[in-house]
């Protein structure tokens, strides 16, 4: 798996989470659309993602381009740790 595939996988999971938390955004995506995730300012990834989408989309399937404008670093759900050294 190359770096773009890894990035696309992570973005896909985050996009799914965003849609669950903001269902109104998901309602604006046409039924059966092929969603292409782009990152603002990342020309190389966006070209890769667009080429892949065009290759993967079915004939007459609508393609929707979603540009991720801002991301924040995920926070750990760990609230407390204990370190034991031997």
PDB file of N, CA and C in Angstrom:
ATOM      1  N   UNK A   1       0.861  -1.177   0.000  1.00  0.00           N
ATOM      2  CA  UNK A   1       0.000   0.000   0.000  1.00  0.00           C
ATOM      3  C   UNK A   1       0.903   1.235   0.000  1.00  0.00           C
ATOM      4  N   UNK A   2       0.685   2.135  -0.966  1.00  0.00           N
ATOM      5  CA  UNK A   2       1.520   3.339  -1.020  1.00  0.00           C
ATOM      6  C   UNK A   2       0.958   4.443  -0.115  1.00  0.00           C
ATOM      7  N   UNK A   3       1.691   5.534  -0.013  1.00  0.00           N
ATOM      8  CA  UNK A   3       1.311   6.618   0.900  1.00  0.00           C
ATOM      9  C   UNK A   3      -0.044   7.225   0.547  1.00  0.00           C
ATOM     10  N   UNK A   4      -0.351   7.322  -0.747  1.00  0.00           N
ATOM     11  CA  UNK A   4      -1.641   7.884  -1.155  1.00  0.00           C
ATOM     12  C   UNK A   4      -2.787   6.943  -0.790  1.00  0.00           C
ATOM     13  N   UNK A   5      -2.560   5.651  -0.936  1.00  0.00           N
ATOM     14  CA  UNK A   5      -3.588   4.679  -0.553  1.00  0.00           C
ATOM     15  C   UNK A   5      -3.847   4.733   0.950  1.00  0.00           C
ATOM     16  N   UNK A   6      -2.779   4.839   1.732  1.00  0.00           N
ATOM     17  CA  UNK A   6      -2.931   4.952   3.187  1.00  0.00           C
ATOM     18  C   UNK A   6      -3.689   6.226   3.542  1.00  0.00           C
ATOM     19  N   UNK A   7      -3.292   7.331   2.925  1.00  0.00           N
ATOM     20  CA  UNK A   7      -3.945   8.614   3.192  1.00  0.00           C
ATOM     21  C   UNK A   7      -5.423   8.553   2.812  1.00  0.00           C
ATOM     22  N   UNK A   8      -5.721   7.946   1.667  1.00  0.00           N
ATOM     23  CA  UNK A   8      -7.100   7.846   1.207  1.00  0.00           C
ATOM     24  C   UNK A   8      -7.936   6.986   2.153  1.00  0.00           C
ATOM     25  N   UNK A   9      -7.347   5.930   2.679  1.00  0.00           N
ATOM     26  CA  UNK A   9      -8.050   5.063   3.629  1.00  0.00           C
ATOM     27  C   UNK A   9      -8.400   5.827   4.900  1.00  0.00           C
ATOM     28  N   UNK A  10      -7.443   6.556   5.425  1.00  0.00           N
ATOM     29  CA  UNK A  10      -7.687   7.347   6.638  1.00  0.00           C
ATOM     30  C   UNK A  10      -8.729   8.424   6.369  1.00  0.00           C
ATOM     31  N   UNK A  11      -8.602   9.119   5.244  1.00  0.00           N
ATOM     32  CA  UNK A  11      -9.576  10.156   4.902  1.00  0.00           C
ATOM     33  C   UNK A  11     -10.969   9.560   4.742  1.00  0.00           C
ATOM     34  N   UNK A  12     -11.048   8.378   4.161  1.00  0.00           N
ATOM     35  CA  UNK A  12     -12.344   7.723   3.999  1.00  0.00           C
ATOM     36  C   UNK A  12     -13.006   7.442   5.336  1.00  0.00           C
ATOM     37  N   UNK A  13     -12.229   6.959   6.296  1.00  0.00           N
ATOM     38  CA  UNK A  13     -12.778   6.706   7.633  1.00  0.00           C
ATOM     39  C   UNK A  13     -13.224   8.011   8.289  1.00  0.00           C
ATOM     40  N   UNK A  14     -12.405   9.050   8.155  1.00  0.00           N
ATOM     41  CA  UNK A  14     -12.756  10.337   8.751  1.00  0.00           C
ATOM     42  C   UNK A  14     -13.977  10.960   8.059  1.00  0.00           C
ATOM     43  N   UNK A  15     -14.068  10.783   6.744  1.00  0.00           N
ATOM     44  CA  UNK A  15     -15.220  11.297   6.006  1.00  0.00           C
ATOM     45  C   UNK A  15     -16.493  10.579   6.464  1.00  0.00           C
ATOM     46  N   UNK A  16     -16.430   9.268   6.627  1.00  0.00           N
ATOM     47  CA  UNK A  16     -17.588   8.517   7.130  1.00  0.00           C
ATOM     48  C   UNK A  16     -18.011   9.024   8.503  1.00  0.00           C
ATOM     49  N   UNK A  17     -17.038   9.273   9.368  1.00  0.00           N
ATOM     50  CA  UNK A  17     -17.342   9.799  10.703  1.00  0.00           C
ATOM     51  C   UNK A  17     -17.991  11.181  10.599  1.00  0.00           C
ATOM     52  N   UNK A  18     -17.458  12.019   9.723  1.00  0.00           N
ATOM     53  CA  UNK A  18     -18.018  13.366   9.542  1.00  0.00           C
ATOM     54  C   UNK A  18     -19.469  13.286   9.076  1.00  0.00           C
ATOM     55  N   UNK A  19     -19.746  12.384   8.139  1.00  0.00           N
ATOM     56  CA  UNK A  19     -21.114  12.245   7.615  1.00  0.00           C
ATOM     57  C   UNK A  19     -22.072  11.773   8.708  1.00  0.00           C
ATOM     58  N   UNK A  20     -21.597  10.874   9.566  1.00  0.00           N
ATOM     59  CA  UNK A  20     -22.454  10.427  10.682  1.00  0.00           C
ATOM     60  C   UNK A  20     -22.762  11.581  11.626  1.00  0.00           C
ATOM     61  N   UNK A  21     -21.776  12.450  11.839  1.00  0.00           N
ATOM     62  CA  UNK A  21     -21.956  13.574  12.753  1.00  0.00           C
ATOM     63  C   UNK A  21     -22.665  14.765  12.093  1.00  0.00           C
ATOM     64  N   UNK A  22     -22.648  14.831  10.759  1.00  0.00           N
ATOM     65  CA  UNK A  22     -23.273  15.926  10.000  1.00  0.00           C
ATOM     66  C   UNK A  22     -24.116  15.339   8.862  1.00  0.00           C
ATOM     67  N   UNK A  23     -25.207  14.671   9.202  1.00  0.00           N
ATOM     68  CA  UNK A  23     -25.995  13.977   8.168  1.00  0.00           C
ATOM     69  C   UNK A  23     -26.525  14.903   7.079  1.00  0.00           C
ATOM     70  N   UNK A  24     -26.685  16.170   7.381  1.00  0.00           N
ATOM     71  CA  UNK A  24     -27.187  17.110   6.371  1.00  0.00           C
ATOM     72  C   UNK A  24     -26.205  17.247   5.200  1.00  0.00           C
ATOM     73  N   UNK A  25     -24.919  17.118   5.476  1.00  0.00           N
ATOM     74  CA  UNK A  25     -23.930  17.172   4.400  1.00  0.00           C
ATOM     75  C   UNK A  25     -24.080  15.953   3.499  1.00  0.00           C
ATOM     76  N   UNK A  26     -24.270  14.806   4.096  1.00  0.00           N
ATOM     77  CA  UNK A  26     -24.452  13.579   3.339  1.00  0.00           C
ATOM     78  C   UNK A  26     -25.679  13.601   2.454  1.00  0.00           C
ATOM     79  N   UNK A  27     -26.707  14.296   2.887  1.00  0.00           N
ATOM     80  CA  UNK A  27     -27.942  14.384   2.097  1.00  0.00           C
ATOM     81  C   UNK A  27     -27.724  15.135   0.791  1.00  0.00           C
ATOM     82  N   UNK A  28     -26.686  15.952   0.715  1.00  0.00           N
ATOM     83  CA  UNK A  28     -26.425  16.722  -0.504  1.00  0.00           C
ATOM     84  C   UNK A  28     -25.641  15.908  -1.548  1.00  0.00           C
ATOM     85  N   UNK A  29     -25.222  14.704  -1.180  1.00  0.00           N
ATOM     86  CA  UNK A  29     -24.478  13.842  -2.108  1.00  0.00           C
ATOM     87  C   UNK A  29     -25.479  12.986  -2.877  1.00  0.00           C
ATOM     88  N   UNK A  30     -25.430  13.011  -4.198  1.00  0.00           N
ATOM     89  CA  UNK A  30     -26.385  12.215  -4.984  1.00  0.00           C
ATOM     90  C   UNK A  30     -26.292  10.719  -4.664  1.00  0.00           C
ATOM     91  N   UNK A  31     -27.429  10.065  -4.744  1.00  0.00           N
ATOM     92  CA  UNK A  31     -27.493   8.617  -4.521  1.00  0.00           C
ATOM     93  C   UNK A  31     -26.533   7.895  -5.477  1.00  0.00           C
ATOM     94  N   UNK A  32     -25.816   6.932  -4.986  1.00  0.00           N
ATOM     95  CA  UNK A  32     -24.907   6.101  -5.772  1.00  0.00           C
ATOM     96  C   UNK A  32     -23.720   6.867  -6.362  1.00  0.00           C
ATOM     97  N   UNK A  33     -23.413   8.025  -5.813  1.00  0.00           N
ATOM     98  CA  UNK A  33     -22.286   8.814  -6.331  1.00  0.00           C
ATOM     99  C   UNK A  33     -20.958   8.196  -5.907  1.00  0.00           C
ATOM    100  N   UNK A  34     -19.966   8.397  -6.738  1.00  0.00           N
ATOM    101  CA  UNK A  34     -18.597   8.012  -6.406  1.00  0.00           C
ATOM    102  C   UNK A  34     -17.955   9.255  -5.789  1.00  0.00           C
ATOM    103  N   UNK A  35     -17.603   9.174  -4.522  1.00  0.00           N
ATOM    104  CA  UNK A  35     -17.062  10.322  -3.794  1.00  0.00           C
ATOM    105  C   UNK A  35     -15.538  10.327  -3.917  1.00  0.00           C
ATOM    106  N   UNK A  36     -15.003  11.468  -4.345  1.00  0.00           N
ATOM    107  CA  UNK A  36     -13.565  11.658  -4.476  1.00  0.00           C
ATOM    108  C   UNK A  36     -13.129  12.623  -3.384  1.00  0.00           C
ATOM    109  N   UNK A  37     -12.249  12.170  -2.516  1.00  0.00           N
ATOM    110  CA  UNK A  37     -11.758  13.030  -1.444  1.00  0.00           C
ATOM    111  C   UNK A  37     -10.484  13.729  -1.886  1.00  0.00           C
ATOM    112  N   UNK A  38     -10.476  15.036  -1.744  1.00  0.00           N
ATOM    113  CA  UNK A  38      -9.337  15.879  -2.099  1.00  0.00           C
ATOM    114  C   UNK A  38      -8.896  16.634  -0.858  1.00  0.00           C
ATOM    115  N   UNK A  39      -7.643  17.033  -0.838  1.00  0.00           N
ATOM    116  CA  UNK A  39      -7.115  17.819   0.276  1.00  0.00           C
ATOM    117  C   UNK A  39      -6.666  19.160  -0.266  1.00  0.00           C
ATOM    118  N   UNK A  40      -7.216  20.220   0.286  1.00  0.00           N
ATOM    119  CA  UNK A  40      -6.844  21.562  -0.160  1.00  0.00           C
ATOM    120  C   UNK A  40      -5.330  21.742  -0.056  1.00  0.00           C
ATOM    121  N   UNK A  41      -4.716  22.132  -1.181  1.00  0.00           N
ATOM    122  CA  UNK A  41      -3.289  22.416  -1.191  1.00  0.00           C
ATOM    123  C   UNK A  41      -2.377  21.226  -1.460  1.00  0.00           C
ATOM    124  N   UNK A  42      -2.939  20.034  -1.640  1.00  0.00           N
ATOM    125  CA  UNK A  42      -2.106  18.844  -1.883  1.00  0.00           C
ATOM    126  C   UNK A  42      -2.300  18.377  -3.329  1.00  0.00           C
ATOM    127  N   UNK A  43      -1.622  19.060  -4.244  1.00  0.00           N
ATOM    128  CA  UNK A  43      -1.798  18.826  -5.680  1.00  0.00           C
ATOM    129  C   UNK A  43      -1.532  17.378  -6.081  1.00  0.00           C
ATOM    130  N   UNK A  44      -0.460  16.797  -5.586  1.00  0.00           N
ATOM    131  CA  UNK A  44      -0.087  15.438  -5.979  1.00  0.00           C
ATOM    132  C   UNK A  44      -1.138  14.420  -5.540  1.00  0.00           C
ATOM    133  N   UNK A  45      -1.582  14.503  -4.284  1.00  0.00           N
ATOM    134  CA  UNK A  45      -2.605  13.580  -3.805  1.00  0.00           C
ATOM    135  C   UNK A  45      -3.899  13.771  -4.586  1.00  0.00           C
ATOM    136  N   UNK A  46      -4.275  15.015  -4.818  1.00  0.00           N
ATOM    137  CA  UNK A  46      -5.526  15.295  -5.521  1.00  0.00           C
ATOM    138  C   UNK A  46      -5.512  14.742  -6.943  1.00  0.00           C
ATOM    139  N   UNK A  47      -4.383  14.839  -7.616  1.00  0.00           N
ATOM    140  CA  UNK A  47      -4.277  14.267  -8.965  1.00  0.00           C
ATOM    141  C   UNK A  47      -4.406  12.751  -8.911  1.00  0.00           C
ATOM    142  N   UNK A  48      -3.743  12.138  -7.950  1.00  0.00           N
ATOM    143  CA  UNK A  48      -3.819  10.688  -7.784  1.00  0.00           C
ATOM    144  C   UNK A  48      -5.252  10.265  -7.492  1.00  0.00           C
ATOM    145  N   UNK A  49      -5.894  10.949  -6.558  1.00  0.00           N
ATOM    146  CA  UNK A  49      -7.256  10.608  -6.151  1.00  0.00           C
ATOM    147  C   UNK A  49      -8.244  10.772  -7.309  1.00  0.00           C
ATOM    148  N   UNK A  50      -8.086  11.828  -8.090  1.00  0.00           N
ATOM    149  CA  UNK A  50      -8.980  12.083  -9.221  1.00  0.00           C
ATOM    150  C   UNK A  50      -8.801  11.012 -10.297  1.00  0.00           C
ATOM    151  N   UNK A  51      -7.565  10.673 -10.623  1.00  0.00           N
ATOM    152  CA  UNK A  51      -7.318   9.632 -11.632  1.00  0.00           C
ATOM    153  C   UNK A  51      -7.894   8.291 -11.190  1.00  0.00           C
ATOM    154  N   UNK A  52      -7.710   7.961  -9.921  1.00  0.00           N
ATOM    155  CA  UNK A  52      -8.239   6.709  -9.393  1.00  0.00           C
ATOM    156  C   UNK A  52      -9.763   6.682  -9.482  1.00  0.00           C
ATOM    157  N   UNK A  53     -10.399   7.787  -9.118  1.00  0.00           N
ATOM    158  CA  UNK A  53     -11.859   7.855  -9.142  1.00  0.00           C
ATOM    159  C   UNK A  53     -12.409   7.694 -10.549  1.00  0.00           C
ATOM    160  N   UNK A  54     -11.786   8.343 -11.495  1.00  0.00           N
ATOM    161  CA  UNK A  54     -12.236   8.247 -12.889  1.00  0.00           C
ATOM    162  C   UNK A  54     -12.124   6.800 -13.371  1.00  0.00           C
ATOM    163  N   UNK A  55     -11.059   6.128 -12.957  1.00  0.00           N
ATOM    164  CA  UNK A  55     -10.848   4.734 -13.345  1.00  0.00           C
ATOM    165  C   UNK A  55     -11.851   3.803 -12.658  1.00  0.00           C
ATOM    166  N   UNK A  56     -12.213   4.097 -11.411  1.00  0.00           N
ATOM    167  CA  UNK A  56     -13.071   3.209 -10.629  1.00  0.00           C
ATOM    168  C   UNK A  56     -14.569   3.454 -10.829  1.00  0.00           C
ATOM    169  N   UNK A  57     -14.941   4.665 -11.193  1.00  0.00           N
ATOM    170  CA  UNK A  57     -16.364   4.986 -11.310  1.00  0.00           C
ATOM    171  C   UNK A  57     -17.016   4.153 -12.409  1.00  0.00           C
ATOM    172  N   UNK A  58     -18.236   3.750 -12.142  1.00  0.00           N
ATOM    173  CA  UNK A  58     -18.993   2.995 -13.138  1.00  0.00           C
ATOM    174  C   UNK A  58     -19.520   3.952 -14.206  1.00  0.00           C
ATOM    175  N   UNK A  59     -19.844   3.401 -15.346  1.00  0.00           N
ATOM    176  CA  UNK A  59     -20.375   4.215 -16.436  1.00  0.00           C
ATOM    177  C   UNK A  59     -21.649   4.919 -15.969  1.00  0.00           C
ATOM    178  N   UNK A  60     -21.723   6.211 -16.227  1.00  0.00           N
ATOM    179  CA  UNK A  60     -22.870   7.068 -15.865  1.00  0.00           C
ATOM    180  C   UNK A  60     -23.035   7.269 -14.356  1.00  0.00           C
ATOM    181  N   UNK A  61     -22.062   6.837 -13.561  1.00  0.00           N
ATOM    182  CA  UNK A  61     -22.127   7.073 -12.126  1.00  0.00           C
ATOM    183  C   UNK A  61     -21.688   8.505 -11.849  1.00  0.00           C
ATOM    184  N   UNK A  62     -22.481   9.259 -11.088  1.00  0.00           N
ATOM    185  CA  UNK A  62     -22.051  10.621 -10.772  1.00  0.00           C
ATOM    186  C   UNK A  62     -20.794  10.615  -9.902  1.00  0.00           C
ATOM    187  N   UNK A  63     -19.906  11.544 -10.189  1.00  0.00           N
ATOM    188  CA  UNK A  63     -18.688  11.707  -9.396  1.00  0.00           C
ATOM    189  C   UNK A  63     -18.798  13.017  -8.630  1.00  0.00           C
ATOM    190  N   UNK A  64     -18.590  12.932  -7.325  1.00  0.00           N
ATOM    191  CA  UNK A  64     -18.670  14.102  -6.454  1.00  0.00           C
ATOM    192  C   UNK A  64     -17.294  14.328  -5.836  1.00  0.00           C
ATOM    193  N   UNK A  65     -16.784  15.538  -5.978  1.00  0.00           N
ATOM    194  CA  UNK A  65     -15.480  15.897  -5.432  1.00  0.00           C
ATOM    195  C   UNK A  65     -15.685  16.638  -4.114  1.00  0.00           C
ATOM    196  N   UNK A  66     -15.113  16.115  -3.054  1.00  0.00           N
ATOM    197  CA  UNK A  66     -15.212  16.725  -1.728  1.00  0.00           C
ATOM    198  C   UNK A  66     -13.816  17.175  -1.331  1.00  0.00           C
ATOM    199  N   UNK A  67     -13.651  18.477  -1.170  1.00  0.00           N
ATOM    200  CA  UNK A  67     -12.356  19.019  -0.767  1.00  0.00           C
ATOM    201  C   UNK A  67     -12.329  19.208   0.743  1.00  0.00           C
ATOM    202  N   UNK A  68     -11.366  18.579   1.362  1.00  0.00           N
ATOM    203  CA  UNK A  68     -11.174  18.729   2.801  1.00  0.00           C
ATOM    204  C   UNK A  68     -10.376  20.009   2.996  1.00  0.00           C
ATOM    205  N   UNK A  69     -11.015  20.984   3.610  1.00  0.00           N
ATOM    206  CA  UNK A  69     -10.425  22.308   3.763  1.00  0.00           C
ATOM    207  C   UNK A  69      -9.581  22.441   5.028  1.00  0.00           C
ATOM    208  N   UNK A  70      -9.971  21.714   6.076  1.00  0.00           N
ATOM    209  CA  UNK A  70      -9.262  21.858   7.343  1.00  0.00           C
ATOM    210  C   UNK A  70      -9.404  20.562   8.128  1.00  0.00           C
ATOM    211  N   UNK A  71      -8.303  20.121   8.677  1.00  0.00           N
ATOM    212  CA  UNK A  71      -8.312  18.947   9.537  1.00  0.00           C
ATOM    213  C   UNK A  71      -7.599  19.289  10.836  1.00  0.00           C
ATOM    214  N   UNK A  72      -7.990  18.610  11.877  1.00  0.00           N
ATOM    215  CA  UNK A  72      -7.302  18.760  13.154  1.00  0.00           C
ATOM    216  C   UNK A  72      -6.710  17.409  13.514  1.00  0.00           C
ATOM    217  N   UNK A  73      -5.671  17.432  14.290  1.00  0.00           N
ATOM    218  CA  UNK A  73      -5.064  16.181  14.733  1.00  0.00           C
ATOM    219  C   UNK A  73      -6.029  15.453  15.649  1.00  0.00           C
ATOM    220  N   UNK A  74      -6.174  14.162  15.430  1.00  0.00           N
ATOM    221  CA  UNK A  74      -7.064  13.406  16.313  1.00  0.00           C
ATOM    222  C   UNK A  74      -6.516  13.381  17.731  1.00  0.00           C
ATOM    223  N   UNK A  75      -7.412  13.359  18.668  1.00  0.00           N
ATOM    224  CA  UNK A  75      -7.011  13.297  20.063  1.00  0.00           C
ATOM    225  C   UNK A  75      -7.165  11.866  20.553  1.00  0.00           C
ATOM    226  N   UNK A  76      -6.282  11.471  21.394  1.00  0.00           N
ATOM    227  CA  UNK A  76      -6.363  10.145  21.972  1.00  0.00           C
ATOM    228  C   UNK A  76      -7.521  10.070  22.950  1.00  0.00           C
ATOM    229  N   UNK A  77      -8.143   8.922  23.002  1.00  0.00           N
ATOM    230  CA  UNK A  77      -9.214   8.732  23.982  1.00  0.00           C
ATOM    231  C   UNK A  77      -8.636   8.290  25.327  1.00  0.00           C
ATOM    232  N   UNK A  78      -7.324   8.089  25.392  1.00  0.00           N
ATOM    233  CA  UNK A  78      -6.678   7.722  26.649  1.00  0.00           C
ATOM    234  C   UNK A  78      -6.621   8.957  27.545  1.00  0.00           C
ATOM    235  N   UNK A  79      -7.097   8.806  28.772  1.00  0.00           N
ATOM    236  CA  UNK A  79      -7.125   9.932  29.703  1.00  0.00           C
ATOM    237  C   UNK A  79      -6.084   9.810  30.810  1.00  0.00           C
ATOM    238  N   UNK A  80      -5.584   8.602  31.034  1.00  0.00           N
ATOM    239  CA  UNK A  80      -4.594   8.441  32.104  1.00  0.00           C
ATOM    240  C   UNK A  80      -3.751   7.210  31.794  1.00  0.00           C
ATOM    241  N   UNK A  81      -2.460   7.325  32.052  1.00  0.00           N
ATOM    242  CA  UNK A  81      -1.539   6.225  31.852  1.00  0.00           C
ATOM    243  C   UNK A  81      -0.725   5.967  33.106  1.00  0.00           C
ATOM    244  N   UNK A  82      -0.210   4.752  33.194  1.00  0.00           N
ATOM    245  CA  UNK A  82       0.726   4.425  34.265  1.00  0.00           C
ATOM    246  C   UNK A  82       1.902   3.703  33.620  1.00  0.00           C
ATOM    247  N   UNK A  83       3.097   4.092  33.958  1.00  0.00           N
ATOM    248  CA  UNK A  83       4.293   3.482  33.421  1.00  0.00           C
ATOM    249  C   UNK A  83       4.988   2.691  34.519  1.00  0.00           C
ATOM    250  N   UNK A  84       5.249   1.420  34.240  1.00  0.00           N
ATOM    251  CA  UNK A  84       5.960   0.570  35.197  1.00  0.00           C
ATOM    252  C   UNK A  84       7.222   0.097  34.497  1.00  0.00           C
ATOM    253  N   UNK A  85       8.344   0.411  35.071  1.00  0.00           N
ATOM    254  CA  UNK A  85       9.601  -0.025  34.478  1.00  0.00           C
ATOM    255  C   UNK A  85      10.142  -1.210  35.256  1.00  0.00           C
ATOM    256  N   UNK A  86      10.828  -2.077  34.580  1.00  0.00           N
ATOM    257  CA  UNK A  86      11.353  -3.285  35.213  1.00  0.00           C
ATOM    258  C   UNK A  86      12.741  -3.132  35.499  1.00  0.00           C
TER     259      UNK A  86
END
